[in-house]
Amino acid sequence: MRRFSSALLDAATWAWVLWTLYQVARYGGAVLFDPSTTSRIMGVVSGDRIDSAIGLTYTGWWGALLVVVELVLVGAALWWSHGARDARRRASLVLLAGWTLLWLGNSIWMEQLAAGRHVSRTSIVVVATVVVLARAVLRWTRAP
């Protein structure tokens, strides 16, 4: 039973992280080709003001660099979170937890700015956060 739950958490974590990386590549990739654009994964328009998610909004060359760094670091962390070396596995688990918490914090913030219109999306991110944190706890002390 423990093996099944661990495999289920692994699969859900991989699906979540790959989906987030797809979003970064999809929206952030536009900045790689045209640094004069601004790409937002999450944002709320209030009148003539646009609030953008922190760490998930890309503008200019720094935004292009952020896209590449996020894709490489989070992708490597996902891969290394299955590794046998404790230090690298633990660092990867922390990075994946931080990545998911970044998405959760931004999602809650955007929902508050949008007066609760994005509750279903925030619920998905809450579930993903619980899954990633549960996986981190299970994998923290034991080898794969």
N, C-alpha and C. Protein backbone atom coordinates (compact mmCIF):
# COMPACT_ATOMS: atom_id res chain seq x y z
N MET A 1 0.82 -1.19 0.00
CA MET A 1 0.00 0.00 0.00
C MET A 1 0.87 1.26 0.00
N ARG A 2 1.95 1.23 0.78
CA ARG A 2 2.84 2.39 0.84
C ARG A 2 3.49 2.65 -0.51
N ARG A 3 3.85 1.57 -1.20
CA ARG A 3 4.45 1.70 -2.52
C ARG A 3 3.48 2.32 -3.53
N PHE A 4 2.21 1.91 -3.42
CA PHE A 4 1.19 2.45 -4.31
C PHE A 4 0.99 3.94 -4.04
N SER A 5 0.89 4.32 -2.78
CA SER A 5 0.69 5.74 -2.45
C SER A 5 1.90 6.57 -2.87
N SER A 6 3.09 6.01 -2.71
CA SER A 6 4.30 6.71 -3.14
C SER A 6 4.32 6.89 -4.66
N ALA A 7 3.93 5.84 -5.38
CA ALA A 7 3.88 5.94 -6.84
C ALA A 7 2.82 6.93 -7.29
N LEU A 8 1.70 6.98 -6.59
CA LEU A 8 0.64 7.92 -6.91
C LEU A 8 1.09 9.36 -6.67
N LEU A 9 1.79 9.59 -5.55
CA LEU A 9 2.33 10.93 -5.27
C LEU A 9 3.39 11.32 -6.30
N ASP A 10 4.22 10.36 -6.68
CA ASP A 10 5.24 10.63 -7.71
C ASP A 10 4.57 11.05 -9.02
N ALA A 11 3.58 10.28 -9.45
CA ALA A 11 2.91 10.57 -10.72
C ALA A 11 2.21 11.93 -10.68
N ALA A 12 1.55 12.22 -9.58
CA ALA A 12 0.84 13.50 -9.46
C ALA A 12 1.84 14.66 -9.42
N THR A 13 2.96 14.48 -8.74
CA THR A 13 3.98 15.53 -8.68
C THR A 13 4.57 15.77 -10.06
N TRP A 14 4.91 14.70 -10.76
CA TRP A 14 5.45 14.84 -12.12
C TRP A 14 4.45 15.56 -13.02
N ALA A 15 3.18 15.18 -12.93
CA ALA A 15 2.16 15.82 -13.77
C ALA A 15 2.05 17.31 -13.45
N TRP A 16 2.03 17.65 -12.17
CA TRP A 16 1.91 19.05 -11.76
C TRP A 16 3.12 19.87 -12.23
N VAL A 17 4.31 19.38 -11.93
CA VAL A 17 5.52 20.14 -12.25
C VAL A 17 5.69 20.27 -13.77
N LEU A 18 5.43 19.21 -14.50
CA LEU A 18 5.53 19.31 -15.96
C LEU A 18 4.49 20.27 -16.52
N TRP A 19 3.30 20.31 -15.93
CA TRP A 19 2.29 21.26 -16.37
C TRP A 19 2.76 22.70 -16.10
N THR A 20 3.35 22.95 -14.94
CA THR A 20 3.84 24.30 -14.65
C THR A 20 4.99 24.68 -15.58
N LEU A 21 5.87 23.73 -15.86
CA LEU A 21 6.97 24.01 -16.78
C LEU A 21 6.45 24.27 -18.19
N TYR A 22 5.40 23.57 -18.58
CA TYR A 22 4.77 23.85 -19.87
C TYR A 22 4.25 25.28 -19.91
N GLN A 23 3.64 25.73 -18.82
CA GLN A 23 3.13 27.10 -18.76
C GLN A 23 4.26 28.12 -18.86
N VAL A 24 5.37 27.84 -18.18
CA VAL A 24 6.53 28.75 -18.26
C VAL A 24 7.06 28.78 -19.68
N ALA A 25 7.20 27.63 -20.31
CA ALA A 25 7.71 27.58 -21.69
C ALA A 25 6.73 28.26 -22.65
N ARG A 26 5.45 28.03 -22.44
CA ARG A 26 4.43 28.58 -23.34
C ARG A 26 4.36 30.10 -23.24
N TYR A 27 4.20 30.61 -22.03
CA TYR A 27 4.05 32.05 -21.87
C TYR A 27 5.39 32.77 -21.84
N GLY A 28 6.33 32.21 -21.12
CA GLY A 28 7.64 32.84 -21.02
C GLY A 28 8.45 32.73 -22.29
N GLY A 29 8.18 31.69 -23.07
CA GLY A 29 8.92 31.50 -24.32
C GLY A 29 8.78 32.65 -25.28
N ALA A 30 7.66 33.37 -25.21
CA ALA A 30 7.47 34.52 -26.10
C ALA A 30 8.53 35.59 -25.84
N VAL A 31 8.96 35.72 -24.60
CA VAL A 31 9.97 36.72 -24.25
C VAL A 31 11.34 36.32 -24.79
N LEU A 32 11.58 35.03 -24.93
CA LEU A 32 12.85 34.58 -25.49
C LEU A 32 13.00 35.05 -26.93
N PHE A 33 11.90 35.09 -27.67
CA PHE A 33 11.94 35.49 -29.07
C PHE A 33 11.76 36.99 -29.27
N ASP A 34 11.08 37.64 -28.34
CA ASP A 34 10.86 39.09 -28.43
C ASP A 34 10.91 39.68 -27.02
N PRO A 35 12.12 40.08 -26.56
CA PRO A 35 12.27 40.59 -25.20
C PRO A 35 11.49 41.87 -24.91
N SER A 36 10.95 42.52 -25.92
CA SER A 36 10.18 43.75 -25.67
C SER A 36 8.76 43.45 -25.19
N THR A 37 8.36 42.18 -25.23
CA THR A 37 7.01 41.82 -24.78
C THR A 37 7.00 41.52 -23.28
N THR A 38 5.82 41.49 -22.73
CA THR A 38 5.62 41.06 -21.35
C THR A 38 4.68 39.87 -21.38
N SER A 39 5.08 38.77 -20.75
CA SER A 39 4.25 37.58 -20.68
C SER A 39 3.91 37.30 -19.23
N ARG A 40 2.65 37.00 -18.98
CA ARG A 40 2.17 36.72 -17.63
C ARG A 40 1.50 35.35 -17.60
N ILE A 41 1.89 34.54 -16.65
CA ILE A 41 1.16 33.28 -16.45
C ILE A 41 -0.10 33.56 -15.66
N MET A 42 0.00 34.45 -14.68
CA MET A 42 -1.15 34.85 -13.89
C MET A 42 -1.17 36.37 -13.83
N GLY A 43 -2.35 36.92 -13.98
CA GLY A 43 -2.50 38.36 -13.88
C GLY A 43 -3.96 38.73 -13.74
N VAL A 44 -4.20 39.89 -13.15
CA VAL A 44 -5.56 40.39 -12.96
C VAL A 44 -5.61 41.82 -13.45
N VAL A 45 -6.61 42.12 -14.27
CA VAL A 45 -6.82 43.48 -14.77
C VAL A 45 -7.87 44.15 -13.91
N SER A 46 -7.52 45.28 -13.33
CA SER A 46 -8.45 46.08 -12.53
C SER A 46 -8.48 47.48 -13.11
N GLY A 47 -9.47 47.75 -13.95
CA GLY A 47 -9.52 49.05 -14.62
C GLY A 47 -8.39 49.16 -15.62
N ASP A 48 -7.52 50.14 -15.43
CA ASP A 48 -6.36 50.29 -16.31
C ASP A 48 -5.08 49.77 -15.67
N ARG A 49 -5.22 49.07 -14.57
CA ARG A 49 -4.05 48.52 -13.85
C ARG A 49 -4.01 47.00 -14.02
N ILE A 50 -2.80 46.49 -14.26
CA ILE A 50 -2.59 45.05 -14.38
C ILE A 50 -1.67 44.60 -13.26
N ASP A 51 -2.16 43.68 -12.42
CA ASP A 51 -1.33 43.08 -11.38
C ASP A 51 -0.85 41.74 -11.90
N SER A 52 0.45 41.50 -11.78
CA SER A 52 1.06 40.28 -12.32
C SER A 52 1.66 39.44 -11.21
N ALA A 53 1.66 38.14 -11.43
CA ALA A 53 2.22 37.20 -10.47
C ALA A 53 3.73 37.40 -10.33
N ILE A 54 4.21 37.30 -9.12
CA ILE A 54 5.64 37.45 -8.83
C ILE A 54 6.36 36.17 -9.25
N GLY A 55 7.42 36.31 -10.02
CA GLY A 55 8.20 35.16 -10.46
C GLY A 55 7.59 34.40 -11.63
N LEU A 56 6.40 34.80 -12.04
CA LEU A 56 5.72 34.13 -13.15
C LEU A 56 5.31 35.14 -14.22
N THR A 57 5.98 36.28 -14.22
CA THR A 57 5.79 37.32 -15.22
C THR A 57 7.16 37.61 -15.82
N TYR A 58 7.22 37.69 -17.13
CA TYR A 58 8.50 37.77 -17.82
C TYR A 58 8.52 38.98 -18.75
N THR A 59 9.55 39.82 -18.58
CA THR A 59 9.71 41.02 -19.41
C THR A 59 11.18 41.23 -19.70
N GLY A 60 11.51 41.53 -20.93
CA GLY A 60 12.87 41.88 -21.31
C GLY A 60 13.86 40.73 -21.19
N TRP A 61 15.14 41.11 -21.23
CA TRP A 61 16.20 40.10 -21.17
C TRP A 61 16.24 39.40 -19.82
N TRP A 62 15.93 40.14 -18.75
CA TRP A 62 15.90 39.51 -17.43
C TRP A 62 14.78 38.50 -17.35
N GLY A 63 13.66 38.81 -17.98
CA GLY A 63 12.56 37.86 -18.03
C GLY A 63 12.91 36.62 -18.83
N ALA A 64 13.63 36.82 -19.93
CA ALA A 64 14.08 35.67 -20.73
C ALA A 64 15.04 34.80 -19.93
N LEU A 65 15.93 35.45 -19.19
CA LEU A 65 16.85 34.70 -18.33
C LEU A 65 16.09 33.94 -17.25
N LEU A 66 15.07 34.59 -16.66
CA LEU A 66 14.27 33.94 -15.63
C LEU A 66 13.55 32.71 -16.19
N VAL A 67 13.06 32.78 -17.41
CA VAL A 67 12.41 31.63 -18.05
C VAL A 67 13.38 30.46 -18.13
N VAL A 68 14.57 30.72 -18.63
CA VAL A 68 15.56 29.65 -18.79
C VAL A 68 15.96 29.08 -17.43
N VAL A 69 16.21 29.94 -16.45
CA VAL A 69 16.61 29.47 -15.12
C VAL A 69 15.51 28.62 -14.49
N GLU A 70 14.26 29.07 -14.58
CA GLU A 70 13.16 28.29 -14.01
C GLU A 70 13.02 26.94 -14.70
N LEU A 71 13.08 26.93 -16.02
CA LEU A 71 12.94 25.66 -16.74
C LEU A 71 14.06 24.68 -16.36
N VAL A 72 15.28 25.18 -16.32
CA VAL A 72 16.42 24.30 -16.02
C VAL A 72 16.41 23.85 -14.56
N LEU A 73 16.26 24.79 -13.64
CA LEU A 73 16.32 24.43 -12.21
C LEU A 73 15.17 23.52 -11.79
N VAL A 74 13.97 23.88 -12.16
CA VAL A 74 12.82 23.07 -11.73
C VAL A 74 12.81 21.73 -12.45
N GLY A 75 13.17 21.71 -13.72
CA GLY A 75 13.27 20.44 -14.43
C GLY A 75 14.33 19.52 -13.83
N ALA A 76 15.49 20.08 -13.52
CA ALA A 76 16.55 19.29 -12.88
C ALA A 76 16.12 18.82 -11.49
N ALA A 77 15.44 19.68 -10.75
CA ALA A 77 14.98 19.30 -9.42
C ALA A 77 13.98 18.15 -9.48
N LEU A 78 13.11 18.19 -10.46
CA LEU A 78 12.15 17.10 -10.62
C LEU A 78 12.87 15.79 -10.89
N TRP A 79 13.86 15.83 -11.76
CA TRP A 79 14.63 14.62 -12.08
C TRP A 79 15.44 14.14 -10.88
N TRP A 80 16.14 15.06 -10.22
CA TRP A 80 17.00 14.69 -9.09
C TRP A 80 16.23 14.31 -7.84
N SER A 81 14.96 14.66 -7.77
CA SER A 81 14.19 14.30 -6.57
C SER A 81 14.00 12.78 -6.46
N HIS A 82 14.37 12.05 -7.50
CA HIS A 82 14.32 10.58 -7.46
C HIS A 82 15.68 9.98 -7.17
N GLY A 83 16.70 10.80 -7.05
CA GLY A 83 18.06 10.31 -6.92
C GLY A 83 18.35 9.63 -5.60
N ALA A 84 19.47 8.95 -5.57
CA ALA A 84 19.86 8.21 -4.37
C ALA A 84 20.68 9.06 -3.40
N ARG A 85 21.35 10.10 -3.89
CA ARG A 85 22.17 10.93 -3.00
C ARG A 85 21.27 11.83 -2.17
N ASP A 86 21.43 11.74 -0.86
CA ASP A 86 20.55 12.47 0.05
C ASP A 86 20.59 13.97 -0.15
N ALA A 87 21.77 14.56 -0.26
CA ALA A 87 21.87 16.02 -0.34
C ALA A 87 21.18 16.57 -1.58
N ARG A 88 21.43 15.97 -2.72
CA ARG A 88 20.82 16.45 -3.96
C ARG A 88 19.32 16.19 -3.96
N ARG A 89 18.91 15.03 -3.47
CA ARG A 89 17.48 14.71 -3.42
C ARG A 89 16.76 15.69 -2.50
N ARG A 90 17.33 15.95 -1.35
CA ARG A 90 16.69 16.86 -0.40
C ARG A 90 16.63 18.29 -0.94
N ALA A 91 17.71 18.74 -1.55
CA ALA A 91 17.70 20.08 -2.15
C ALA A 91 16.65 20.17 -3.25
N SER A 92 16.50 19.11 -4.02
CA SER A 92 15.49 19.08 -5.08
C SER A 92 14.08 19.11 -4.50
N LEU A 93 13.87 18.37 -3.43
CA LEU A 93 12.55 18.37 -2.80
C LEU A 93 12.20 19.75 -2.25
N VAL A 94 13.18 20.42 -1.67
CA VAL A 94 12.96 21.78 -1.16
C VAL A 94 12.64 22.73 -2.32
N LEU A 95 13.38 22.61 -3.40
CA LEU A 95 13.14 23.48 -4.55
C LEU A 95 11.75 23.24 -5.14
N LEU A 96 11.34 21.99 -5.26
CA LEU A 96 10.01 21.69 -5.79
C LEU A 96 8.91 22.19 -4.86
N ALA A 97 9.13 22.07 -3.56
CA ALA A 97 8.16 22.61 -2.60
C ALA A 97 8.09 24.13 -2.73
N GLY A 98 9.23 24.78 -2.84
CA GLY A 98 9.25 26.23 -3.01
C GLY A 98 8.58 26.67 -4.30
N TRP A 99 8.80 25.93 -5.37
CA TRP A 99 8.18 26.23 -6.66
C TRP A 99 6.66 26.15 -6.55
N THR A 100 6.17 25.11 -5.90
CA THR A 100 4.74 24.94 -5.75
C THR A 100 4.15 25.99 -4.81
N LEU A 101 4.89 26.34 -3.76
CA LEU A 101 4.42 27.40 -2.87
C LEU A 101 4.41 28.76 -3.56
N LEU A 102 5.33 28.99 -4.49
CA LEU A 102 5.30 30.21 -5.30
C LEU A 102 4.00 30.28 -6.09
N TRP A 103 3.64 29.18 -6.72
CA TRP A 103 2.39 29.12 -7.48
C TRP A 103 1.18 29.31 -6.56
N LEU A 104 1.22 28.69 -5.37
CA LEU A 104 0.10 28.82 -4.43
C LEU A 104 -0.04 30.26 -3.95
N GLY A 105 1.05 30.87 -3.55
CA GLY A 105 1.00 32.25 -3.08
C GLY A 105 0.47 33.20 -4.14
N ASN A 106 0.96 33.04 -5.35
CA ASN A 106 0.47 33.88 -6.46
C ASN A 106 -1.00 33.61 -6.76
N SER A 107 -1.40 32.36 -6.71
CA SER A 107 -2.78 32.01 -7.01
C SER A 107 -3.73 32.62 -5.97
N ILE A 108 -3.36 32.54 -4.70
CA ILE A 108 -4.19 33.14 -3.65
C ILE A 108 -4.24 34.65 -3.80
N TRP A 109 -3.10 35.25 -4.10
CA TRP A 109 -3.04 36.70 -4.28
C TRP A 109 -3.91 37.14 -5.47
N MET A 110 -3.80 36.43 -6.59
CA MET A 110 -4.60 36.78 -7.77
C MET A 110 -6.09 36.59 -7.48
N GLU A 111 -6.43 35.56 -6.73
CA GLU A 111 -7.84 35.33 -6.38
C GLU A 111 -8.38 36.48 -5.52
N GLN A 112 -7.57 36.94 -4.59
CA GLN A 112 -8.01 38.07 -3.76
C GLN A 112 -8.18 39.33 -4.60
N LEU A 113 -7.27 39.57 -5.51
CA LEU A 113 -7.38 40.75 -6.37
C LEU A 113 -8.57 40.66 -7.31
N ALA A 114 -8.93 39.44 -7.69
CA ALA A 114 -10.05 39.23 -8.62
C ALA A 114 -11.37 39.01 -7.88
N ALA A 115 -11.39 39.28 -6.59
CA ALA A 115 -12.61 39.15 -5.77
C ALA A 115 -13.20 37.74 -5.82
N GLY A 116 -12.33 36.72 -5.76
CA GLY A 116 -12.79 35.34 -5.68
C GLY A 116 -13.29 34.72 -6.96
N ARG A 117 -12.96 35.28 -8.11
CA ARG A 117 -13.44 34.72 -9.38
C ARG A 117 -12.63 33.52 -9.87
N HIS A 118 -11.52 33.22 -9.23
CA HIS A 118 -10.65 32.13 -9.70
C HIS A 118 -10.51 31.02 -8.66
N VAL A 119 -11.57 30.79 -7.90
CA VAL A 119 -11.50 29.82 -6.80
C VAL A 119 -11.16 28.42 -7.28
N SER A 120 -11.71 28.00 -8.42
CA SER A 120 -11.45 26.64 -8.90
C SER A 120 -9.98 26.45 -9.24
N ARG A 121 -9.36 27.45 -9.84
CA ARG A 121 -7.92 27.32 -10.16
C ARG A 121 -7.09 27.28 -8.89
N THR A 122 -7.44 28.09 -7.92
CA THR A 122 -6.71 28.09 -6.66
C THR A 122 -6.86 26.75 -5.95
N SER A 123 -8.02 26.15 -6.03
CA SER A 123 -8.25 24.84 -5.41
C SER A 123 -7.32 23.79 -6.00
N ILE A 124 -7.11 23.84 -7.30
CA ILE A 124 -6.20 22.89 -7.96
C ILE A 124 -4.77 23.09 -7.44
N VAL A 125 -4.37 24.33 -7.29
CA VAL A 125 -3.02 24.61 -6.80
C VAL A 125 -2.87 24.19 -5.34
N VAL A 126 -3.92 24.32 -4.55
CA VAL A 126 -3.88 23.86 -3.15
C VAL A 126 -3.67 22.35 -3.11
N VAL A 127 -4.42 21.62 -3.92
CA VAL A 127 -4.27 20.16 -3.97
C VAL A 127 -2.86 19.79 -4.43
N ALA A 128 -2.35 20.46 -5.45
CA ALA A 128 -1.00 20.19 -5.94
C ALA A 128 0.04 20.46 -4.86
N THR A 129 -0.17 21.51 -4.08
CA THR A 129 0.77 21.83 -3.00
C THR A 129 0.77 20.73 -1.95
N VAL A 130 -0.39 20.25 -1.58
CA VAL A 130 -0.47 19.16 -0.60
C VAL A 130 0.24 17.92 -1.13
N VAL A 131 0.04 17.61 -2.41
CA VAL A 131 0.66 16.43 -3.02
C VAL A 131 2.19 16.57 -3.02
N VAL A 132 2.69 17.71 -3.46
CA VAL A 132 4.15 17.91 -3.54
C VAL A 132 4.77 17.88 -2.15
N LEU A 133 4.12 18.50 -1.17
CA LEU A 133 4.66 18.49 0.19
C LEU A 133 4.60 17.09 0.80
N ALA A 134 3.53 16.34 0.54
CA ALA A 134 3.44 14.96 1.04
C ALA A 134 4.54 14.10 0.43
N ARG A 135 4.78 14.28 -0.85
CA ARG A 135 5.85 13.53 -1.52
C ARG A 135 7.22 13.88 -0.93
N ALA A 136 7.42 15.17 -0.65
CA ALA A 136 8.69 15.60 -0.07
C ALA A 136 8.90 14.97 1.30
N VAL A 137 7.86 14.90 2.09
CA VAL A 137 7.97 14.29 3.42
C VAL A 137 8.30 12.79 3.29
N LEU A 138 7.65 12.10 2.37
CA LEU A 138 7.92 10.67 2.19
C LEU A 138 9.33 10.39 1.67
N ARG A 139 9.79 11.23 0.78
CA ARG A 139 11.10 11.00 0.15
C ARG A 139 12.27 11.62 0.91
N TRP A 140 12.00 12.40 1.93
CA TRP A 140 13.05 13.13 2.63
C TRP A 140 14.07 12.18 3.26
N THR A 141 13.63 11.14 3.94
CA THR A 141 14.55 10.29 4.67
C THR A 141 14.88 8.97 4.00
N ARG A 142 14.13 8.60 3.01
CA ARG A 142 14.40 7.30 2.40
C ARG A 142 14.87 7.42 0.97
N ALA A 143 15.68 6.49 0.57
CA ALA A 143 16.16 6.44 -0.81
C ALA A 143 15.02 5.94 -1.71
N PRO A 144 15.10 6.22 -3.00
CA PRO A 144 14.03 5.77 -3.90
C PRO A 144 13.93 4.27 -3.99
